[in-house]
Amino acid sequence: MKLFYKLISQLLIVSMVLLPFSASAGMIGTDQAIAGAQALANRDKVRDFVSRTDVQKQFQALGLDASTAQARVNAMTQDEINRIAGNIDSLPAGASSSAGWWAAGVIIVGLLVWYFYK
């Protein structure tokens, strides 16, 4: 048993000497941290928008299944997500007089999803 411990300790010593290991830590800027958080927030915003029942009904009217729409959103690049999230932010708040604009916004988002998928 003593021979086994000696062999293991020698292997550990050799591996620590010969195998390189390095770790580096660096500071990241606030802008990088905020950009990462903003990217996640935009992706969640588009996912939430696509998962709404009224949006899913509009997609079904256009012939797009809800699971397909979610898969297409997951396949989008970050630039596409940011553009669509900006469009969602610019949509009206949902008054009855703006129902036409809201429907147009849903159609635009649906067409963007369809366009970037193909």
N, C-alpha and C. Protein backbone atom coordinates (compact mmCIF):
# COMPACT_ATOMS: atom_id res chain seq x y z
N MET A 1 0.81 -1.18 0.00
CA MET A 1 0.00 0.00 0.00
C MET A 1 0.86 1.26 0.00
N LYS A 2 1.98 1.17 0.72
CA LYS A 2 2.88 2.31 0.77
C LYS A 2 3.47 2.60 -0.61
N LEU A 3 3.71 1.56 -1.38
CA LEU A 3 4.23 1.70 -2.73
C LEU A 3 3.20 2.42 -3.64
N PHE A 4 1.95 2.10 -3.44
CA PHE A 4 0.88 2.72 -4.22
C PHE A 4 0.82 4.23 -3.95
N TYR A 5 0.87 4.63 -2.68
CA TYR A 5 0.86 6.05 -2.33
C TYR A 5 2.07 6.79 -2.88
N LYS A 6 3.20 6.13 -2.85
CA LYS A 6 4.43 6.72 -3.37
C LYS A 6 4.31 6.93 -4.88
N LEU A 7 3.76 5.94 -5.59
CA LEU A 7 3.57 6.05 -7.03
C LEU A 7 2.61 7.18 -7.38
N ILE A 8 1.52 7.27 -6.67
CA ILE A 8 0.54 8.33 -6.92
C ILE A 8 1.15 9.70 -6.67
N SER A 9 1.87 9.85 -5.58
CA SER A 9 2.47 11.15 -5.27
C SER A 9 3.52 11.53 -6.31
N GLN A 10 4.29 10.58 -6.79
CA GLN A 10 5.27 10.88 -7.84
C GLN A 10 4.59 11.27 -9.15
N LEU A 11 3.51 10.59 -9.49
CA LEU A 11 2.76 10.95 -10.70
C LEU A 11 2.19 12.37 -10.59
N LEU A 12 1.70 12.72 -9.44
CA LEU A 12 1.18 14.06 -9.23
C LEU A 12 2.28 15.11 -9.34
N ILE A 13 3.42 14.83 -8.78
CA ILE A 13 4.54 15.78 -8.85
C ILE A 13 4.99 15.96 -10.29
N VAL A 14 5.12 14.88 -11.02
CA VAL A 14 5.54 14.95 -12.42
C VAL A 14 4.50 15.70 -13.26
N SER A 15 3.25 15.42 -13.02
CA SER A 15 2.22 16.09 -13.81
C SER A 15 2.16 17.58 -13.50
N MET A 16 2.39 17.98 -12.27
CA MET A 16 2.40 19.41 -11.93
C MET A 16 3.60 20.13 -12.54
N VAL A 17 4.70 19.43 -12.67
CA VAL A 17 5.90 20.06 -13.23
C VAL A 17 5.81 20.12 -14.75
N LEU A 18 5.37 19.06 -15.39
CA LEU A 18 5.42 18.98 -16.84
C LEU A 18 4.18 19.55 -17.54
N LEU A 19 3.03 19.39 -16.96
CA LEU A 19 1.81 19.85 -17.63
C LEU A 19 1.56 21.32 -17.32
N PRO A 20 1.38 22.10 -18.37
CA PRO A 20 1.15 23.52 -18.11
C PRO A 20 -0.28 23.76 -17.63
N PHE A 21 -0.40 24.59 -16.69
CA PHE A 21 -1.71 25.03 -16.26
C PHE A 21 -1.61 26.52 -15.99
N SER A 22 -2.59 27.21 -16.46
CA SER A 22 -2.57 28.65 -16.24
C SER A 22 -4.00 29.14 -16.13
N ALA A 23 -4.14 30.12 -15.35
CA ALA A 23 -5.44 30.77 -15.21
C ALA A 23 -5.20 32.26 -15.28
N SER A 24 -6.05 32.92 -15.98
CA SER A 24 -5.89 34.37 -16.05
C SER A 24 -7.22 35.02 -15.75
N ALA A 25 -7.14 36.02 -14.97
CA ALA A 25 -8.34 36.78 -14.63
C ALA A 25 -8.13 38.20 -15.12
N GLY A 26 -9.15 38.75 -15.65
CA GLY A 26 -9.04 40.10 -16.15
C GLY A 26 -10.28 40.89 -15.82
N MET A 27 -10.13 42.15 -15.88
CA MET A 27 -11.26 43.04 -15.62
C MET A 27 -12.04 43.21 -16.91
N ILE A 28 -13.34 43.23 -16.80
CA ILE A 28 -14.18 43.55 -17.94
C ILE A 28 -14.80 44.90 -17.68
N GLY A 29 -15.04 45.59 -18.75
CA GLY A 29 -15.63 46.91 -18.62
C GLY A 29 -17.12 46.84 -18.34
N THR A 30 -17.61 47.93 -17.82
CA THR A 30 -19.04 48.00 -17.53
C THR A 30 -19.85 47.87 -18.80
N ASP A 31 -19.36 48.45 -19.89
CA ASP A 31 -20.10 48.37 -21.15
C ASP A 31 -20.23 46.93 -21.64
N GLN A 32 -19.20 46.11 -21.41
CA GLN A 32 -19.28 44.71 -21.81
C GLN A 32 -20.29 43.95 -20.95
N ALA A 33 -20.31 44.23 -19.66
CA ALA A 33 -21.26 43.55 -18.78
C ALA A 33 -22.68 43.96 -19.10
N ILE A 34 -22.89 45.24 -19.38
CA ILE A 34 -24.23 45.73 -19.70
C ILE A 34 -24.68 45.18 -21.05
N ALA A 35 -23.76 45.10 -22.01
CA ALA A 35 -24.12 44.57 -23.33
C ALA A 35 -24.57 43.12 -23.23
N GLY A 36 -23.91 42.34 -22.41
CA GLY A 36 -24.32 40.94 -22.23
C GLY A 36 -25.68 40.83 -21.57
N ALA A 37 -25.92 41.66 -20.58
CA ALA A 37 -27.22 41.64 -19.90
C ALA A 37 -28.32 42.14 -20.83
N GLN A 38 -28.02 43.15 -21.63
CA GLN A 38 -29.00 43.68 -22.57
C GLN A 38 -29.33 42.66 -23.65
N ALA A 39 -28.33 41.92 -24.09
CA ALA A 39 -28.57 40.89 -25.11
C ALA A 39 -29.52 39.81 -24.58
N LEU A 40 -29.30 39.39 -23.34
CA LEU A 40 -30.19 38.40 -22.74
C LEU A 40 -31.60 38.96 -22.55
N ALA A 41 -31.69 40.22 -22.14
CA ALA A 41 -33.00 40.84 -21.94
C ALA A 41 -33.77 40.95 -23.26
N ASN A 42 -33.07 41.31 -24.34
CA ASN A 42 -33.73 41.41 -25.64
C ASN A 42 -34.21 40.05 -26.12
N ARG A 43 -33.40 39.02 -25.93
CA ARG A 43 -33.80 37.68 -26.36
C ARG A 43 -35.03 37.22 -25.56
N ASP A 44 -35.03 37.49 -24.25
CA ASP A 44 -36.19 37.13 -23.44
C ASP A 44 -37.43 37.91 -23.84
N LYS A 45 -37.24 39.17 -24.22
CA LYS A 45 -38.37 40.00 -24.64
C LYS A 45 -39.01 39.44 -25.90
N VAL A 46 -38.19 39.04 -26.87
CA VAL A 46 -38.73 38.49 -28.12
C VAL A 46 -39.38 37.14 -27.86
N ARG A 47 -38.77 36.31 -27.01
CA ARG A 47 -39.37 35.00 -26.67
C ARG A 47 -40.72 35.19 -25.99
N ASP A 48 -40.79 36.14 -25.06
CA ASP A 48 -42.06 36.40 -24.37
C ASP A 48 -43.11 36.91 -25.34
N PHE A 49 -42.70 37.76 -26.27
CA PHE A 49 -43.64 38.30 -27.25
C PHE A 49 -44.19 37.20 -28.14
N VAL A 50 -43.31 36.31 -28.59
CA VAL A 50 -43.74 35.23 -29.48
C VAL A 50 -44.61 34.22 -28.73
N SER A 51 -44.42 34.08 -27.43
CA SER A 51 -45.19 33.10 -26.66
C SER A 51 -46.55 33.62 -26.22
N ARG A 52 -46.86 34.89 -26.47
CA ARG A 52 -48.19 35.41 -26.11
C ARG A 52 -49.25 34.75 -26.97
N THR A 53 -50.44 34.55 -26.40
CA THR A 53 -51.50 33.83 -27.11
C THR A 53 -52.02 34.61 -28.31
N ASP A 54 -52.12 35.94 -28.19
CA ASP A 54 -52.62 36.72 -29.33
C ASP A 54 -51.63 36.72 -30.49
N VAL A 55 -50.35 36.72 -30.17
CA VAL A 55 -49.33 36.65 -31.22
C VAL A 55 -49.33 35.27 -31.87
N GLN A 56 -49.51 34.24 -31.06
CA GLN A 56 -49.57 32.88 -31.61
C GLN A 56 -50.77 32.70 -32.51
N LYS A 57 -51.91 33.33 -32.15
CA LYS A 57 -53.08 33.27 -33.02
C LYS A 57 -52.79 33.95 -34.36
N GLN A 58 -52.07 35.07 -34.31
CA GLN A 58 -51.72 35.77 -35.54
C GLN A 58 -50.77 34.93 -36.39
N PHE A 59 -49.83 34.27 -35.74
CA PHE A 59 -48.93 33.39 -36.48
C PHE A 59 -49.69 32.23 -37.13
N GLN A 60 -50.65 31.67 -36.40
CA GLN A 60 -51.44 30.59 -36.96
C GLN A 60 -52.26 31.07 -38.14
N ALA A 61 -52.72 32.32 -38.07
CA ALA A 61 -53.45 32.88 -39.21
C ALA A 61 -52.53 33.03 -40.42
N LEU A 62 -51.25 33.24 -40.15
CA LEU A 62 -50.27 33.35 -41.24
C LEU A 62 -49.73 31.98 -41.66
N GLY A 63 -50.13 30.92 -40.94
CA GLY A 63 -49.71 29.57 -41.30
C GLY A 63 -48.43 29.12 -40.62
N LEU A 64 -48.10 29.72 -39.49
CA LEU A 64 -46.87 29.39 -38.78
C LEU A 64 -47.24 28.80 -37.43
N ASP A 65 -46.68 27.65 -37.11
CA ASP A 65 -46.95 26.98 -35.84
C ASP A 65 -46.18 27.69 -34.73
N ALA A 66 -46.71 27.66 -33.50
CA ALA A 66 -46.08 28.34 -32.37
C ALA A 66 -44.71 27.74 -32.04
N SER A 67 -44.59 26.43 -32.10
CA SER A 67 -43.29 25.81 -31.79
C SER A 67 -42.26 26.15 -32.87
N THR A 68 -42.71 26.27 -34.11
CA THR A 68 -41.81 26.66 -35.19
C THR A 68 -41.33 28.09 -34.99
N ALA A 69 -42.25 28.96 -34.56
CA ALA A 69 -41.87 30.36 -34.31
C ALA A 69 -40.84 30.44 -33.18
N GLN A 70 -41.04 29.65 -32.11
CA GLN A 70 -40.07 29.64 -31.02
C GLN A 70 -38.71 29.12 -31.50
N ALA A 71 -38.72 28.11 -32.33
CA ALA A 71 -37.46 27.57 -32.86
C ALA A 71 -36.76 28.60 -33.74
N ARG A 72 -37.54 29.34 -34.50
CA ARG A 72 -36.94 30.37 -35.35
C ARG A 72 -36.35 31.50 -34.53
N VAL A 73 -37.01 31.87 -33.45
CA VAL A 73 -36.47 32.90 -32.56
C VAL A 73 -35.17 32.42 -31.93
N ASN A 74 -35.13 31.16 -31.53
CA ASN A 74 -33.91 30.61 -30.93
C ASN A 74 -32.75 30.56 -31.93
N ALA A 75 -33.06 30.46 -33.22
CA ALA A 75 -32.02 30.37 -34.24
C ALA A 75 -31.53 31.73 -34.71
N MET A 76 -32.14 32.81 -34.27
CA MET A 76 -31.77 34.15 -34.73
C MET A 76 -30.43 34.60 -34.13
N THR A 77 -29.75 35.45 -34.88
CA THR A 77 -28.52 36.05 -34.37
C THR A 77 -28.88 37.18 -33.42
N GLN A 78 -27.89 37.66 -32.70
CA GLN A 78 -28.16 38.71 -31.72
C GLN A 78 -28.57 40.02 -32.39
N ASP A 79 -28.03 40.33 -33.56
CA ASP A 79 -28.42 41.55 -34.27
C ASP A 79 -29.89 41.50 -34.67
N GLU A 80 -30.34 40.36 -35.13
CA GLU A 80 -31.75 40.20 -35.51
C GLU A 80 -32.65 40.35 -34.28
N ILE A 81 -32.23 39.75 -33.18
CA ILE A 81 -33.01 39.85 -31.94
C ILE A 81 -33.09 41.30 -31.49
N ASN A 82 -31.98 42.02 -31.57
CA ASN A 82 -31.98 43.43 -31.15
C ASN A 82 -32.91 44.27 -32.02
N ARG A 83 -32.91 44.02 -33.33
CA ARG A 83 -33.81 44.77 -34.22
C ARG A 83 -35.27 44.50 -33.89
N ILE A 84 -35.61 43.23 -33.69
CA ILE A 84 -36.99 42.89 -33.39
C ILE A 84 -37.39 43.42 -32.02
N ALA A 85 -36.50 43.36 -31.04
CA ALA A 85 -36.81 43.90 -29.72
C ALA A 85 -37.03 45.41 -29.80
N GLY A 86 -36.28 46.08 -30.66
CA GLY A 86 -36.51 47.52 -30.86
C GLY A 86 -37.87 47.77 -31.48
N ASN A 87 -38.31 46.90 -32.39
CA ASN A 87 -39.65 47.04 -32.97
C ASN A 87 -40.73 46.79 -31.93
N ILE A 88 -40.50 45.85 -31.03
CA ILE A 88 -41.47 45.57 -29.98
C ILE A 88 -41.60 46.79 -29.07
N ASP A 89 -40.46 47.42 -28.77
CA ASP A 89 -40.50 48.61 -27.91
C ASP A 89 -41.24 49.77 -28.55
N SER A 90 -41.22 49.84 -29.86
CA SER A 90 -41.86 50.96 -30.53
C SER A 90 -43.34 50.72 -30.82
N LEU A 91 -43.86 49.52 -30.50
CA LEU A 91 -45.27 49.24 -30.71
C LEU A 91 -46.12 50.02 -29.72
N PRO A 92 -47.34 50.40 -30.11
CA PRO A 92 -48.22 51.11 -29.17
C PRO A 92 -48.62 50.21 -28.00
N ALA A 93 -49.13 50.83 -26.97
CA ALA A 93 -49.40 50.11 -25.72
C ALA A 93 -50.64 49.24 -25.77
N GLY A 94 -51.47 49.31 -26.80
CA GLY A 94 -52.58 48.37 -26.92
C GLY A 94 -53.94 48.99 -26.74
N ALA A 95 -54.11 50.22 -27.08
CA ALA A 95 -55.43 50.84 -27.03
C ALA A 95 -56.25 50.34 -28.22
N SER A 96 -57.57 50.50 -28.14
CA SER A 96 -58.43 49.99 -29.20
C SER A 96 -58.25 50.78 -30.50
N SER A 97 -57.88 52.04 -30.41
CA SER A 97 -57.69 52.83 -31.62
C SER A 97 -56.40 52.45 -32.34
N SER A 98 -55.51 51.78 -31.65
CA SER A 98 -54.23 51.41 -32.26
C SER A 98 -54.18 49.93 -32.61
N ALA A 99 -55.34 49.30 -32.69
CA ALA A 99 -55.36 47.87 -32.97
C ALA A 99 -54.79 47.56 -34.34
N GLY A 100 -54.99 48.44 -35.30
CA GLY A 100 -54.43 48.23 -36.63
C GLY A 100 -52.92 48.29 -36.63
N TRP A 101 -52.35 49.22 -35.88
CA TRP A 101 -50.89 49.32 -35.78
C TRP A 101 -50.31 48.12 -35.06
N TRP A 102 -51.02 47.66 -34.03
CA TRP A 102 -50.53 46.51 -33.30
C TRP A 102 -50.52 45.28 -34.20
N ALA A 103 -51.58 45.09 -34.95
CA ALA A 103 -51.65 43.95 -35.86
C ALA A 103 -50.56 44.06 -36.93
N ALA A 104 -50.33 45.28 -37.40
CA ALA A 104 -49.26 45.47 -38.38
C ALA A 104 -47.90 45.13 -37.77
N GLY A 105 -47.70 45.50 -36.51
CA GLY A 105 -46.45 45.18 -35.83
C GLY A 105 -46.26 43.68 -35.69
N VAL A 106 -47.33 42.97 -35.36
CA VAL A 106 -47.25 41.51 -35.23
C VAL A 106 -46.94 40.89 -36.58
N ILE A 107 -47.58 41.41 -37.62
CA ILE A 107 -47.31 40.88 -38.96
C ILE A 107 -45.87 41.15 -39.36
N ILE A 108 -45.37 42.33 -39.04
CA ILE A 108 -43.97 42.66 -39.36
C ILE A 108 -43.02 41.72 -38.63
N VAL A 109 -43.27 41.51 -37.34
CA VAL A 109 -42.42 40.60 -36.57
C VAL A 109 -42.51 39.19 -37.15
N GLY A 110 -43.74 38.76 -37.49
CA GLY A 110 -43.90 37.44 -38.10
C GLY A 110 -43.16 37.31 -39.41
N LEU A 111 -43.25 38.36 -40.23
CA LEU A 111 -42.53 38.33 -41.51
C LEU A 111 -41.02 38.35 -41.32
N LEU A 112 -40.56 39.10 -40.32
CA LEU A 112 -39.12 39.11 -40.03
C LEU A 112 -38.66 37.72 -39.59
N VAL A 113 -39.44 37.09 -38.73
CA VAL A 113 -39.09 35.74 -38.30
C VAL A 113 -39.06 34.81 -39.50
N TRP A 114 -40.07 34.89 -40.34
CA TRP A 114 -40.15 34.04 -41.53
C TRP A 114 -38.99 34.34 -42.49
N TYR A 115 -38.67 35.62 -42.70
CA TYR A 115 -37.62 36.01 -43.63
C TYR A 115 -36.26 35.51 -43.15
N PHE A 116 -35.97 35.69 -41.87
CA PHE A 116 -34.65 35.29 -41.38
C PHE A 116 -34.52 33.79 -41.24
N TYR A 117 -35.64 33.09 -41.17
CA TYR A 117 -35.57 31.64 -41.13
C TYR A 117 -35.19 31.09 -42.50
N LYS A 118 -35.75 31.67 -43.54
CA LYS A 118 -35.45 31.22 -44.91
C LYS A 118 -34.24 31.92 -45.37
